[in-house]
PDB file of N, CA and C in Angstrom:
ATOM      1  N   MET A   1     131.874  89.519  71.146  1.00  0.00           N
ATOM      2  CA  MET A   1     130.970  89.675  70.023  1.00  0.00           C
ATOM      3  C   MET A   1     131.188  88.540  69.109  1.00  0.00           C
ATOM      4  N   ILE A   2     130.001  88.010  68.708  1.00  0.00           N
ATOM      5  CA  ILE A   2     129.945  86.922  67.681  1.00  0.00           C
ATOM      6  C   ILE A   2     128.984  87.273  66.628  1.00  0.00           C
ATOM      7  N   SER A   3     129.109  86.784  65.455  1.00  0.00           N
ATOM      8  CA  SER A   3     128.146  86.987  64.330  1.00  0.00           C
ATOM      9  C   SER A   3     128.105  85.838  63.447  1.00  0.00           C
ATOM     10  N   ARG A   4     127.041  85.841  62.624  1.00  0.00           N
ATOM     11  CA  ARG A   4     126.804  84.870  61.585  1.00  0.00           C
ATOM     12  C   ARG A   4     125.893  85.334  60.576  1.00  0.00           C
ATOM     13  N   ARG A   5     126.102  85.017  59.297  1.00  0.00           N
ATOM     14  CA  ARG A   5     125.208  85.395  58.197  1.00  0.00           C
ATOM     15  C   ARG A   5     124.233  84.214  58.084  1.00  0.00           C
ATOM     16  N   ILE A   6     122.888  84.641  57.792  1.00  0.00           N
ATOM     17  CA  ILE A   6     121.881  83.628  57.519  1.00  0.00           C
ATOM     18  C   ILE A   6     120.802  84.261  56.638  1.00  0.00           C
ATOM     19  N   VAL A   7     120.273  83.434  55.871  1.00  0.00           N
ATOM     20  CA  VAL A   7     119.153  83.818  54.894  1.00  0.00           C
ATOM     21  C   VAL A   7     117.855  83.711  55.560  1.00  0.00           C
ATOM     22  N   ILE A   8     117.003  84.724  55.374  1.00  0.00           N
ATOM     23  CA  ILE A   8     115.618  84.742  56.022  1.00  0.00           C
ATOM     24  C   ILE A   8     114.803  83.796  55.123  1.00  0.00           C
ATOM     25  N   LYS A   9     114.366  82.606  55.702  1.00  0.00           N
ATOM     26  CA  LYS A   9     113.779  81.579  54.864  1.00  0.00           C
ATOM     27  C   LYS A   9     112.249  81.805  54.604  1.00  0.00           C
ATOM     28  N   ASN A  10     111.519  82.458  55.470  1.00  0.00           N
ATOM     29  CA  ASN A  10     110.084  82.539  55.225  1.00  0.00           C
ATOM     30  C   ASN A  10     109.782  83.467  54.157  1.00  0.00           C
ATOM     31  N   PRO A  11     108.719  83.152  53.338  1.00  0.00           N
ATOM     32  CA  PRO A  11     108.525  84.034  52.116  1.00  0.00           C
ATOM     33  C   PRO A  11     108.129  85.481  52.337  1.00  0.00           C
ATOM     34  N   THR A  12     107.557  85.727  53.426  1.00  0.00           N
ATOM     35  CA  THR A  12     107.163  87.196  53.628  1.00  0.00           C
ATOM     36  C   THR A  12     108.231  88.014  54.249  1.00  0.00           C
ATOM     37  N   GLY A  13     109.369  87.438  54.701  1.00  0.00           N
ATOM     38  CA  GLY A  13     110.341  88.213  55.331  1.00  0.00           C
ATOM     39  C   GLY A  13     109.978  88.629  56.709  1.00  0.00           C
ATOM     40  N   LEU A  14     110.515  89.657  57.247  1.00  0.00           N
ATOM     41  CA  LEU A  14     110.286  90.193  58.590  1.00  0.00           C
ATOM     42  C   LEU A  14     109.232  91.229  58.624  1.00  0.00           C
ATOM     43  N   ASN A  15     107.956  90.749  58.176  1.00  0.00           N
ATOM     44  CA  ASN A  15     106.816  91.575  58.282  1.00  0.00           C
ATOM     45  C   ASN A  15     106.301  91.550  59.740  1.00  0.00           C
ATOM     46  N   LEU A  16     105.145  91.942  60.097  1.00  0.00           N
ATOM     47  CA  LEU A  16     104.692  92.219  61.392  1.00  0.00           C
ATOM     48  C   LEU A  16     104.705  91.030  62.237  1.00  0.00           C
ATOM     49  N   ARG A  17     104.076  90.002  61.918  1.00  0.00           N
ATOM     50  CA  ARG A  17     103.969  88.704  62.779  1.00  0.00           C
ATOM     51  C   ARG A  17     105.413  88.090  62.916  1.00  0.00           C
ATOM     52  N   PRO A  18     106.089  87.816  61.879  1.00  0.00           N
ATOM     53  CA  PRO A  18     107.424  87.270  62.005  1.00  0.00           C
ATOM     54  C   PRO A  18     108.445  88.207  62.802  1.00  0.00           C
ATOM     55  N   ALA A  19     108.264  89.491  62.563  1.00  0.00           N
ATOM     56  CA  ALA A  19     109.093  90.511  63.313  1.00  0.00           C
ATOM     57  C   ALA A  19     108.864  90.427  64.860  1.00  0.00           C
ATOM     58  N   GLY A  20     107.527  90.252  65.170  1.00  0.00           N
ATOM     59  CA  GLY A  20     107.216  90.110  66.619  1.00  0.00           C
ATOM     60  C   GLY A  20     107.813  88.939  67.245  1.00  0.00           C
ATOM     61  N   LEU A  21     107.742  87.769  66.471  1.00  0.00           N
ATOM     62  CA  LEU A  21     108.374  86.570  67.047  1.00  0.00           C
ATOM     63  C   LEU A  21     109.844  86.663  67.144  1.00  0.00           C
ATOM     64  N   PHE A  22     110.427  87.356  66.168  1.00  0.00           N
ATOM     65  CA  PHE A  22     111.912  87.603  66.052  1.00  0.00           C
ATOM     66  C   PHE A  22     112.236  88.452  67.366  1.00  0.00           C
ATOM     67  N   CYS A  23     111.549  89.434  67.673  1.00  0.00           N
ATOM     68  CA  CYS A  23     111.822  90.366  68.796  1.00  0.00           C
ATOM     69  C   CYS A  23     111.576  89.624  70.081  1.00  0.00           C
ATOM     70  N   GLN A  24     110.506  88.877  70.245  1.00  0.00           N
ATOM     71  CA  GLN A  24     110.240  88.094  71.413  1.00  0.00           C
ATOM     72  C   GLN A  24     111.344  87.146  71.737  1.00  0.00           C
ATOM     73  N   THR A  25     111.879  86.508  70.737  1.00  0.00           N
ATOM     74  CA  THR A  25     112.988  85.551  70.963  1.00  0.00           C
ATOM     75  C   THR A  25     114.218  86.360  71.371  1.00  0.00           C
ATOM     76  N   ALA A  26     114.517  87.537  70.801  1.00  0.00           N
ATOM     77  CA  ALA A  26     115.726  88.352  71.147  1.00  0.00           C
ATOM     78  C   ALA A  26     115.579  88.726  72.594  1.00  0.00           C
ATOM     79  N   MET A  27     114.361  89.165  73.056  1.00  0.00           N
ATOM     80  CA  MET A  27     114.230  89.618  74.402  1.00  0.00           C
ATOM     81  C   MET A  27     114.495  88.524  75.513  1.00  0.00           C
ATOM     82  N   ASN A  28     114.557  87.312  75.086  1.00  0.00           N
ATOM     83  CA  ASN A  28     114.838  86.148  76.012  1.00  0.00           C
ATOM     84  C   ASN A  28     116.351  86.213  76.445  1.00  0.00           C
ATOM     85  N   TYR A  29     117.109  87.012  75.814  1.00  0.00           N
ATOM     86  CA  TYR A  29     118.559  87.112  76.157  1.00  0.00           C
ATOM     87  C   TYR A  29     119.052  88.434  76.703  1.00  0.00           C
ATOM     88  N   VAL A  30     120.017  88.388  77.478  1.00  0.00           N
ATOM     89  CA  VAL A  30     120.634  89.572  78.087  1.00  0.00           C
ATOM     90  C   VAL A  30     121.429  90.331  77.014  1.00  0.00           C
ATOM     91  N   SER A  31     122.136  89.587  76.078  1.00  0.00           N
ATOM     92  CA  SER A  31     123.010  90.200  75.158  1.00  0.00           C
ATOM     93  C   SER A  31     122.339  91.198  74.177  1.00  0.00           C
ATOM     94  N   LYS A  32     123.159  92.116  73.838  1.00  0.00           N
ATOM     95  CA  LYS A  32     122.742  93.126  72.745  1.00  0.00           C
ATOM     96  C   LYS A  32     122.656  92.295  71.469  1.00  0.00           C
ATOM     97  N   ILE A  33     121.544  92.344  70.774  1.00  0.00           N
ATOM     98  CA  ILE A  33     121.385  91.584  69.493  1.00  0.00           C
ATOM     99  C   ILE A  33     120.937  92.581  68.407  1.00  0.00           C
ATOM    100  N   THR A  34     121.914  92.615  67.401  1.00  0.00           N
ATOM    101  CA  THR A  34     121.483  93.441  66.253  1.00  0.00           C
ATOM    102  C   THR A  34     121.605  92.689  64.991  1.00  0.00           C
ATOM    103  N   PHE A  35     121.238  93.238  63.902  1.00  0.00           N
ATOM    104  CA  PHE A  35     121.567  92.586  62.616  1.00  0.00           C
ATOM    105  C   PHE A  35     121.781  93.636  61.504  1.00  0.00           C
ATOM    106  N   LYS A  36     122.560  93.291  60.594  1.00  0.00           N
ATOM    107  CA  LYS A  36     122.791  94.195  59.370  1.00  0.00           C
ATOM    108  C   LYS A  36     122.356  93.490  58.098  1.00  0.00           C
ATOM    109  N   LYS A  37     121.876  94.317  57.207  1.00  0.00           N
ATOM    110  CA  LYS A  37     121.598  93.858  55.801  1.00  0.00           C
ATOM    111  C   LYS A  37     122.101  94.930  54.914  1.00  0.00           C
ATOM    112  N   LYS A  38     122.453  94.488  53.678  1.00  0.00           N
ATOM    113  CA  LYS A  38     122.889  95.429  52.622  1.00  0.00           C
ATOM    114  C   LYS A  38     121.650  96.086  52.034  1.00  0.00           C
ATOM    115  N   GLY A  39     121.622  97.445  51.816  1.00  0.00           N
ATOM    116  CA  GLY A  39     120.650  98.130  51.230  1.00  0.00           C
ATOM    117  C   GLY A  39     121.087  99.277  50.474  1.00  0.00           C
ATOM    118  N   ASN A  40     120.917  99.453  49.196  1.00  0.00           N
ATOM    119  CA  ASN A  40     121.308 100.539  48.420  1.00  0.00           C
ATOM    120  C   ASN A  40     122.651 101.033  48.554  1.00  0.00           C
ATOM    121  N   GLY A  41     123.646 100.064  48.514  1.00  0.00           N
ATOM    122  CA  GLY A  41     125.002 100.298  48.745  1.00  0.00           C
ATOM    123  C   GLY A  41     125.521 100.633  50.105  1.00  0.00           C
ATOM    124  N   GLU A  42     124.619 100.553  51.106  1.00  0.00           N
ATOM    125  CA  GLU A  42     125.091 100.894  52.448  1.00  0.00           C
ATOM    126  C   GLU A  42     124.464  99.718  53.382  1.00  0.00           C
ATOM    127  N   ASP A  43     125.111  99.547  54.559  1.00  0.00           N
ATOM    128  CA  ASP A  43     124.572  98.645  55.544  1.00  0.00           C
ATOM    129  C   ASP A  43     123.483  99.251  56.326  1.00  0.00           C
ATOM    130  N   ILE A  44     122.432  98.530  56.474  1.00  0.00           N
ATOM    131  CA  ILE A  44     121.332  98.876  57.389  1.00  0.00           C
ATOM    132  C   ILE A  44     121.504  98.074  58.642  1.00  0.00           C
ATOM    133  N   THR A  45     121.446  98.693  59.888  1.00  0.00           N
ATOM    134  CA  THR A  45     121.645  98.031  61.068  1.00  0.00           C
ATOM    135  C   THR A  45     120.243  98.217  61.926  1.00  0.00           C
ATOM    136  N   ALA A  46     119.850  97.123  62.523  1.00  0.00           N
ATOM    137  CA  ALA A  46     118.605  97.125  63.267  1.00  0.00           C
ATOM    138  C   ALA A  46     118.812  96.532  64.635  1.00  0.00           C
ATOM    139  N   ASN A  47     118.115  96.955  65.540  1.00  0.00           N
ATOM    140  CA  ASN A  47     118.042  96.389  66.942  1.00  0.00           C
ATOM    141  C   ASN A  47     117.100  95.218  66.979  1.00  0.00           C
ATOM    142  N   ALA A  48     117.497  93.999  67.136  1.00  0.00           N
ATOM    143  CA  ALA A  48     116.547  92.839  67.111  1.00  0.00           C
ATOM    144  C   ALA A  48     115.622  92.763  68.205  1.00  0.00           C
ATOM    145  N   LYS A  49     115.670  93.638  69.251  1.00  0.00           N
ATOM    146  CA  LYS A  49     114.725  93.691  70.372  1.00  0.00           C
ATOM    147  C   LYS A  49     113.623  94.736  70.191  1.00  0.00           C
ATOM    148  N   SER A  50     113.713  95.483  69.085  1.00  0.00           N
ATOM    149  CA  SER A  50     112.702  96.549  68.815  1.00  0.00           C
ATOM    150  C   SER A  50     111.869  96.190  67.512  1.00  0.00           C
ATOM    151  N   VAL A  51     110.604  96.063  67.699  1.00  0.00           N
ATOM    152  CA  VAL A  51     109.847  95.706  66.516  1.00  0.00           C
ATOM    153  C   VAL A  51     109.856  96.793  65.413  1.00  0.00           C
ATOM    154  N   LEU A  52     109.916  98.056  65.895  1.00  0.00           N
ATOM    155  CA  LEU A  52     109.920  99.129  64.999  1.00  0.00           C
ATOM    156  C   LEU A  52     111.265  99.201  64.182  1.00  0.00           C
ATOM    157  N   SER A  53     112.328  98.908  64.812  1.00  0.00           N
ATOM    158  CA  SER A  53     113.650  98.858  64.159  1.00  0.00           C
ATOM    159  C   SER A  53     113.729  97.714  63.162  1.00  0.00           C
ATOM    160  N   VAL A  54     113.243  96.472  63.609  1.00  0.00           N
ATOM    161  CA  VAL A  54     113.134  95.327  62.691  1.00  0.00           C
ATOM    162  C   VAL A  54     112.311  95.633  61.435  1.00  0.00           C
ATOM    163  N   LEU A  55     111.075  96.212  61.625  1.00  0.00           N
ATOM    164  CA  LEU A  55     110.215  96.519  60.549  1.00  0.00           C
ATOM    165  C   LEU A  55     110.968  97.519  59.634  1.00  0.00           C
ATOM    166  N   GLY A  56     111.524  98.528  60.214  1.00  0.00           N
ATOM    167  CA  GLY A  56     112.226  99.523  59.467  1.00  0.00           C
ATOM    168  C   GLY A  56     113.297  99.099  58.601  1.00  0.00           C
ATOM    169  N   ALA A  57     113.842  98.017  58.859  1.00  0.00           N
ATOM    170  CA  ALA A  57     114.963  97.450  58.036  1.00  0.00           C
ATOM    171  C   ALA A  57     114.431  96.789  56.739  1.00  0.00           C
ATOM    172  N   SER A  58     113.076  96.440  56.655  1.00  0.00           N
ATOM    173  CA  SER A  58     112.439  95.954  55.437  1.00  0.00           C
ATOM    174  C   SER A  58     113.132  94.799  54.942  1.00  0.00           C
ATOM    175  N   VAL A  59     113.310  93.694  55.758  1.00  0.00           N
ATOM    176  CA  VAL A  59     113.943  92.514  55.364  1.00  0.00           C
ATOM    177  C   VAL A  59     112.896  91.630  54.608  1.00  0.00           C
ATOM    178  N   ARG A  60     113.279  91.219  53.351  1.00  0.00           N
ATOM    179  CA  ARG A  60     112.391  90.453  52.634  1.00  0.00           C
ATOM    180  C   ARG A  60     112.748  88.873  52.670  1.00  0.00           C
ATOM    181  N   GLY A  61     111.896  88.096  52.329  1.00  0.00           N
ATOM    182  CA  GLY A  61     112.274  86.553  52.268  1.00  0.00           C
ATOM    183  C   GLY A  61     113.274  86.399  51.203  1.00  0.00           C
ATOM    184  N   GLY A  62     114.249  85.620  51.587  1.00  0.00           N
ATOM    185  CA  GLY A  62     115.376  85.241  50.689  1.00  0.00           C
ATOM    186  C   GLY A  62     116.531  86.250  50.831  1.00  0.00           C
ATOM    187  N   GLU A  63     116.421  87.278  51.654  1.00  0.00           N
ATOM    188  CA  GLU A  63     117.540  88.191  51.887  1.00  0.00           C
ATOM    189  C   GLU A  63     118.460  87.682  53.039  1.00  0.00           C
ATOM    190  N   GLU A  64     119.700  87.994  52.896  1.00  0.00           N
ATOM    191  CA  GLU A  64     120.728  87.575  53.943  1.00  0.00           C
ATOM    192  C   GLU A  64     120.894  88.710  54.903  1.00  0.00           C
ATOM    193  N   ILE A  65     120.899  88.316  56.207  1.00  0.00           N
ATOM    194  CA  ILE A  65     121.285  89.341  57.179  1.00  0.00           C
ATOM    195  C   ILE A  65     122.474  88.790  58.020  1.00  0.00           C
ATOM    196  N   GLU A  66     123.127  89.654  58.687  1.00  0.00           N
ATOM    197  CA  GLU A  66     124.268  89.243  59.573  1.00  0.00           C
ATOM    198  C   GLU A  66     123.790  89.500  61.006  1.00  0.00           C
ATOM    199  N   LEU A  67     123.545  88.434  61.787  1.00  0.00           N
ATOM    200  CA  LEU A  67     123.150  88.571  63.148  1.00  0.00           C
ATOM    201  C   LEU A  67     124.455  88.810  64.020  1.00  0.00           C
ATOM    202  N   ILE A  68     124.400  89.797  64.923  1.00  0.00           N
ATOM    203  CA  ILE A  68     125.505  90.073  65.756  1.00  0.00           C
ATOM    204  C   ILE A  68     124.956  90.145  67.198  1.00  0.00           C
ATOM    205  N   CYS A  69     125.690  89.369  68.042  1.00  0.00           N
ATOM    206  CA  CYS A  69     125.291  89.210  69.484  1.00  0.00           C
ATOM    207  C   CYS A  69     126.449  89.590  70.264  1.00  0.00           C
ATOM    208  N   GLU A  70     126.242  90.332  71.326  1.00  0.00           N
ATOM    209  CA  GLU A  70     127.339  90.832  72.185  1.00  0.00           C
ATOM    210  C   GLU A  70     126.885  90.827  73.660  1.00  0.00           C
ATOM    211  N   GLY A  71     127.446  89.983  74.490  1.00  0.00           N
ATOM    212  CA  GLY A  71     127.186  89.965  75.920  1.00  0.00           C
ATOM    213  C   GLY A  71     127.391  88.620  76.510  1.00  0.00           C
ATOM    214  N   VAL A  72     126.941  88.489  77.758  1.00  0.00           N
ATOM    215  CA  VAL A  72     127.248  87.256  78.540  1.00  0.00           C
ATOM    216  C   VAL A  72     126.701  85.994  78.040  1.00  0.00           C
ATOM    217  N   ASP A  73     125.551  86.083  77.297  1.00  0.00           N
ATOM    218  CA  ASP A  73     124.911  84.883  76.730  1.00  0.00           C
ATOM    219  C   ASP A  73     124.921  84.918  75.311  1.00  0.00           C
ATOM    220  N   GLN A  74     126.031  85.463  74.637  1.00  0.00           N
ATOM    221  CA  GLN A  74     125.949  85.676  73.285  1.00  0.00           C
ATOM    222  C   GLN A  74     125.891  84.486  72.405  1.00  0.00           C
ATOM    223  N   GLU A  75     126.529  83.331  72.923  1.00  0.00           N
ATOM    224  CA  GLU A  75     126.517  82.133  72.104  1.00  0.00           C
ATOM    225  C   GLU A  75     125.096  81.542  72.143  1.00  0.00           C
ATOM    226  N   ALA A  76     124.442  81.575  73.217  1.00  0.00           N
ATOM    227  CA  ALA A  76     123.012  81.057  73.333  1.00  0.00           C
ATOM    228  C   ALA A  76     122.044  81.941  72.539  1.00  0.00           C
ATOM    229  N   ALA A  77     122.304  83.292  72.622  1.00  0.00           N
ATOM    230  CA  ALA A  77     121.411  84.219  71.857  1.00  0.00           C
ATOM    231  C   ALA A  77     121.584  84.001  70.308  1.00  0.00           C
ATOM    232  N   LEU A  78     122.806  83.880  69.815  1.00  0.00           N
ATOM    233  CA  LEU A  78     122.991  83.615  68.445  1.00  0.00           C
ATOM    234  C   LEU A  78     122.320  82.343  67.975  1.00  0.00           C
ATOM    235  N   GLU A  79     122.497  81.251  68.727  1.00  0.00           N
ATOM    236  CA  GLU A  79     121.882  79.951  68.414  1.00  0.00           C
ATOM    237  C   GLU A  79     120.395  80.012  68.410  1.00  0.00           C
ATOM    238  N   GLY A  80     119.807  80.677  69.417  1.00  0.00           N
ATOM    239  CA  GLY A  80     118.465  80.906  69.504  1.00  0.00           C
ATOM    240  C   GLY A  80     117.763  81.595  68.390  1.00  0.00           C
ATOM    241  N   MET A  81     118.471  82.687  67.938  1.00  0.00           N
ATOM    242  CA  MET A  81     118.022  83.587  66.864  1.00  0.00           C
ATOM    243  C   MET A  81     118.088  82.732  65.589  1.00  0.00           C
ATOM    244  N   ILE A  82     119.165  81.978  65.330  1.00  0.00           N
ATOM    245  CA  ILE A  82     119.369  81.231  64.121  1.00  0.00           C
ATOM    246  C   ILE A  82     118.224  80.118  64.094  1.00  0.00           C
ATOM    247  N   GLN A  83     118.024  79.567  65.211  1.00  0.00           N
ATOM    248  CA  GLN A  83     117.022  78.452  65.257  1.00  0.00           C
ATOM    249  C   GLN A  83     115.549  78.989  64.831  1.00  0.00           C
ATOM    250  N   ILE A  84     115.183  80.146  65.362  1.00  0.00           N
ATOM    251  CA  ILE A  84     113.817  80.660  64.935  1.00  0.00           C
ATOM    252  C   ILE A  84     113.771  81.082  63.608  1.00  0.00           C
ATOM    253  N   ILE A  85     114.882  81.543  62.979  1.00  0.00           N
ATOM    254  CA  ILE A  85     114.907  81.821  61.524  1.00  0.00           C
ATOM    255  C   ILE A  85     114.734  80.577  60.770  1.00  0.00           C
ATOM    256  N   GLU A  86     115.596  79.660  61.108  1.00  0.00           N
ATOM    257  CA  GLU A  86     115.537  78.387  60.330  1.00  0.00           C
ATOM    258  C   GLU A  86     114.258  77.606  60.443  1.00  0.00           C
ATOM    259  N   GLU A  87     113.422  77.868  61.468  1.00  0.00           N
ATOM    260  CA  GLU A  87     112.173  77.267  61.586  1.00  0.00           C
ATOM    261  C   GLU A  87     111.067  78.087  60.866  1.00  0.00           C
ATOM    262  N   GLY A  88     111.407  79.266  60.217  1.00  0.00           N
ATOM    263  CA  GLY A  88     110.526  79.891  59.401  1.00  0.00           C
ATOM    264  C   GLY A  88     109.744  81.029  60.069  1.00  0.00           C
ATOM    265  N   LEU A  89     110.189  81.401  61.276  1.00  0.00           N
ATOM    266  CA  LEU A  89     109.614  82.546  62.051  1.00  0.00           C
ATOM    267  C   LEU A  89     108.167  82.449  62.121  1.00  0.00           C
ATOM    268  N   GLY A  90     107.593  81.235  62.456  1.00  0.00           N
ATOM    269  CA  GLY A  90     106.182  80.946  62.718  1.00  0.00           C
ATOM    270  C   GLY A  90     105.295  80.909  61.468  1.00  0.00           C
ATOM    271  N   GLU A  91     105.986  80.817  60.337  1.00  0.00           N
ATOM    272  CA  GLU A  91     105.091  80.808  59.022  1.00  0.00           C
ATOM    273  C   GLU A  91     105.279  79.350  58.362  1.00  0.00           C
TER     274      GLU A  91
END
């Protein structure tokens, strides 16, 4: 298992279109990919391969998440997810 914290750079956060791209990217990997964010004093965890889970986390632009990848291609998965976030999730 590996993880890394990253700030969501696009201004709208993980709303419908960016969340779809986020999930499509996650689906390219075998590894389990989740993320955590702080919310009202507790951690919110979401499955990066589920649009409903990602939308339910209500991640806004400028918020920090911790990406967590676990599996045979975890390094590639983490790098791929970081790349799509740094590119602005299509916005």
